[in-house]
Amino acid sequence: MTGQAIWARPPPTETTVTTKNTADLLDYMRGYARSNPNNMELLNRDQQWAKLAKIELDRRHAAFIAVLPNPILEEIAARELNITELAKQLSP
């Protein structure tokens, strides 16, 4: 079996990841609701959760580039540097 990965368990599939993510989120929500009864009201309100998640992801991406010096940010903004293309150079 040279060159093949040996897994103790099969690699996760999209279904198992989704199931784990669902369980993790439910655990987090239980703790959140348990810590303050008003939190349950917030969870039950029809919020724009997908939109809020996108905003948080954008904020996290911004945090990644926030530490870069101005000359690099300027080249990224001018599309002279492409983080996605450069990342491909990191892959084996």
C-alpha atoms as a PDB file:
ATOM      1  CA  MET A   1       0.000   0.000   0.000  1.00  0.00           C
ATOM      2  CA  THR A   2       2.800   2.372  -0.779  1.00  0.00           C
ATOM      3  CA  GLY A   3       1.738   5.921  -1.529  1.00  0.00           C
ATOM      4  CA  GLN A   4      -1.785   5.473  -0.176  1.00  0.00           C
ATOM      5  CA  ALA A   5      -3.107   7.020   2.989  1.00  0.00           C
ATOM      6  CA  ILE A   6      -4.064   4.526   5.637  1.00  0.00           C
ATOM      7  CA  TRP A   7      -7.034   5.654   7.680  1.00  0.00           C
ATOM      8  CA  ALA A   8      -8.057   4.241  11.022  1.00  0.00           C
ATOM      9  CA  ARG A   9     -11.563   5.275   9.951  1.00  0.00           C
ATOM     10  CA  PRO A  10     -12.834   6.185   6.516  1.00  0.00           C
ATOM     11  CA  PRO A  11     -12.195   9.833   5.612  1.00  0.00           C
ATOM     12  CA  PRO A  12     -15.071  12.117   6.547  1.00  0.00           C
ATOM     13  CA  THR A  13     -17.741  12.567   3.927  1.00  0.00           C
ATOM     14  CA  GLU A  14     -19.888  15.636   3.398  1.00  0.00           C
ATOM     15  CA  THR A  15     -22.716  13.885   5.265  1.00  0.00           C
ATOM     16  CA  THR A  16     -20.601  13.060   8.317  1.00  0.00           C
ATOM     17  CA  VAL A  17     -19.170  16.586   8.410  1.00  0.00           C
ATOM     18  CA  THR A  18     -22.666  18.095   8.196  1.00  0.00           C
ATOM     19  CA  THR A  19     -23.908  15.750  10.922  1.00  0.00           C
ATOM     20  CA  LYS A  20     -20.967  16.686  13.150  1.00  0.00           C
ATOM     21  CA  ASN A  21     -21.462  20.398  12.426  1.00  0.00           C
ATOM     22  CA  THR A  22     -25.156  20.079  13.287  1.00  0.00           C
ATOM     23  CA  ALA A  23     -24.362  18.318  16.565  1.00  0.00           C
ATOM     24  CA  ASP A  24     -21.653  20.873  17.420  1.00  0.00           C
ATOM     25  CA  LEU A  25     -23.984  23.791  16.694  1.00  0.00           C
ATOM     26  CA  LEU A  26     -26.800  22.277  18.747  1.00  0.00           C
ATOM     27  CA  ASP A  27     -24.403  21.777  21.689  1.00  0.00           C
ATOM     28  CA  TYR A  28     -23.277  25.396  21.426  1.00  0.00           C
ATOM     29  CA  MET A  29     -26.890  26.623  21.201  1.00  0.00           C
ATOM     30  CA  ARG A  30     -27.897  24.581  24.272  1.00  0.00           C
ATOM     31  CA  GLY A  31     -25.122  26.147  26.306  1.00  0.00           C
ATOM     32  CA  TYR A  32     -25.939  29.612  24.987  1.00  0.00           C
ATOM     33  CA  ALA A  33     -29.632  29.241  25.851  1.00  0.00           C
ATOM     34  CA  ARG A  34     -28.882  27.693  29.252  1.00  0.00           C
ATOM     35  CA  SER A  35     -26.620  30.607  30.259  1.00  0.00           C
ATOM     36  CA  ASN A  36     -29.441  33.154  29.941  1.00  0.00           C
ATOM     37  CA  PRO A  37     -33.142  32.477  29.259  1.00  0.00           C
ATOM     38  CA  ASN A  38     -33.332  35.592  27.053  1.00  0.00           C
ATOM     39  CA  ASN A  39     -30.851  33.981  24.697  1.00  0.00           C
ATOM     40  CA  MET A  40     -33.444  31.388  23.715  1.00  0.00           C
ATOM     41  CA  GLU A  41     -35.701  34.188  22.508  1.00  0.00           C
ATOM     42  CA  LEU A  42     -32.883  35.489  20.324  1.00  0.00           C
ATOM     43  CA  LEU A  43     -32.298  32.027  18.836  1.00  0.00           C
ATOM     44  CA  ASN A  44     -36.002  31.597  18.085  1.00  0.00           C
ATOM     45  CA  ARG A  45     -36.342  34.944  16.323  1.00  0.00           C
ATOM     46  CA  ASP A  46     -36.225  34.855  12.563  1.00  0.00           C
ATOM     47  CA  GLN A  47     -32.717  36.218  12.129  1.00  0.00           C
ATOM     48  CA  GLN A  48     -30.701  36.454   8.969  1.00  0.00           C
ATOM     49  CA  TRP A  49     -28.236  33.845  10.226  1.00  0.00           C
ATOM     50  CA  ALA A  50     -26.726  33.124   6.798  1.00  0.00           C
ATOM     51  CA  LYS A  51     -26.090  36.827   6.215  1.00  0.00           C
ATOM     52  CA  LEU A  52     -24.544  37.201   9.675  1.00  0.00           C
ATOM     53  CA  ALA A  53     -22.336  34.148   9.090  1.00  0.00           C
ATOM     54  CA  LYS A  54     -21.115  35.667   5.816  1.00  0.00           C
ATOM     55  CA  ILE A  55     -20.318  38.943   7.588  1.00  0.00           C
ATOM     56  CA  GLU A  56     -18.323  37.034  10.230  1.00  0.00           C
ATOM     57  CA  LEU A  57     -16.415  35.088   7.569  1.00  0.00           C
ATOM     58  CA  ASP A  58     -15.589  38.350   5.791  1.00  0.00           C
ATOM     59  CA  ARG A  59     -14.391  39.810   9.101  1.00  0.00           C
ATOM     60  CA  ARG A  60     -12.125  36.797   9.674  1.00  0.00           C
ATOM     61  CA  HIS A  61     -10.684  37.095   6.175  1.00  0.00           C
ATOM     62  CA  ALA A  62     -10.072  40.785   6.803  1.00  0.00           C
ATOM     63  CA  ALA A  63      -8.267  39.904  10.039  1.00  0.00           C
ATOM     64  CA  PHE A  64      -5.898  37.722   8.004  1.00  0.00           C
ATOM     65  CA  ILE A  65      -4.838  40.565   5.737  1.00  0.00           C
ATOM     66  CA  ALA A  66      -5.063  43.275   8.409  1.00  0.00           C
ATOM     67  CA  VAL A  67      -1.510  42.516   9.549  1.00  0.00           C
ATOM     68  CA  LEU A  68       0.029  42.902   6.101  1.00  0.00           C
ATOM     69  CA  PRO A  69       2.087  46.021   5.417  1.00  0.00           C
ATOM     70  CA  ASN A  70       0.629  48.755   3.212  1.00  0.00           C
ATOM     71  CA  PRO A  71       2.776  48.033   0.120  1.00  0.00           C
ATOM     72  CA  ILE A  72       1.481  44.467  -0.010  1.00  0.00           C
ATOM     73  CA  LEU A  73      -2.119  45.574   0.612  1.00  0.00           C
ATOM     74  CA  GLU A  74      -1.807  48.114  -2.175  1.00  0.00           C
ATOM     75  CA  GLU A  75      -0.651  45.425  -4.625  1.00  0.00           C
ATOM     76  CA  ILE A  76      -3.481  43.122  -3.549  1.00  0.00           C
ATOM     77  CA  ALA A  77      -5.982  45.965  -3.977  1.00  0.00           C
ATOM     78  CA  ALA A  78      -4.563  46.725  -7.440  1.00  0.00           C
ATOM     79  CA  ARG A  79      -4.818  42.996  -8.285  1.00  0.00           C
ATOM     80  CA  GLU A  80      -1.066  42.844  -8.784  1.00  0.00           C
ATOM     81  CA  LEU A  81      -0.819  40.189  -6.068  1.00  0.00           C
ATOM     82  CA  ASN A  82      -3.358  37.375  -5.845  1.00  0.00           C
ATOM     83  CA  ILE A  83      -3.541  35.527  -2.523  1.00  0.00           C
ATOM     84  CA  THR A  84      -5.461  32.621  -4.054  1.00  0.00           C
ATOM     85  CA  GLU A  85      -2.883  32.116  -6.792  1.00  0.00           C
ATOM     86  CA  LEU A  86       0.002  32.427  -4.341  1.00  0.00           C
ATOM     87  CA  ALA A  87      -1.629  29.885  -2.031  1.00  0.00           C
ATOM     88  CA  LYS A  88      -1.420  27.313  -4.820  1.00  0.00           C
ATOM     89  CA  GLN A  89       2.373  27.561  -4.528  1.00  0.00           C
ATOM     90  CA  LEU A  90       2.094  26.361  -0.924  1.00  0.00           C
ATOM     91  CA  SER A  91       0.327  23.145  -1.882  1.00  0.00           C
ATOM     92  CA  PRO A  92       2.530  20.069  -2.290  1.00  0.00           C
END
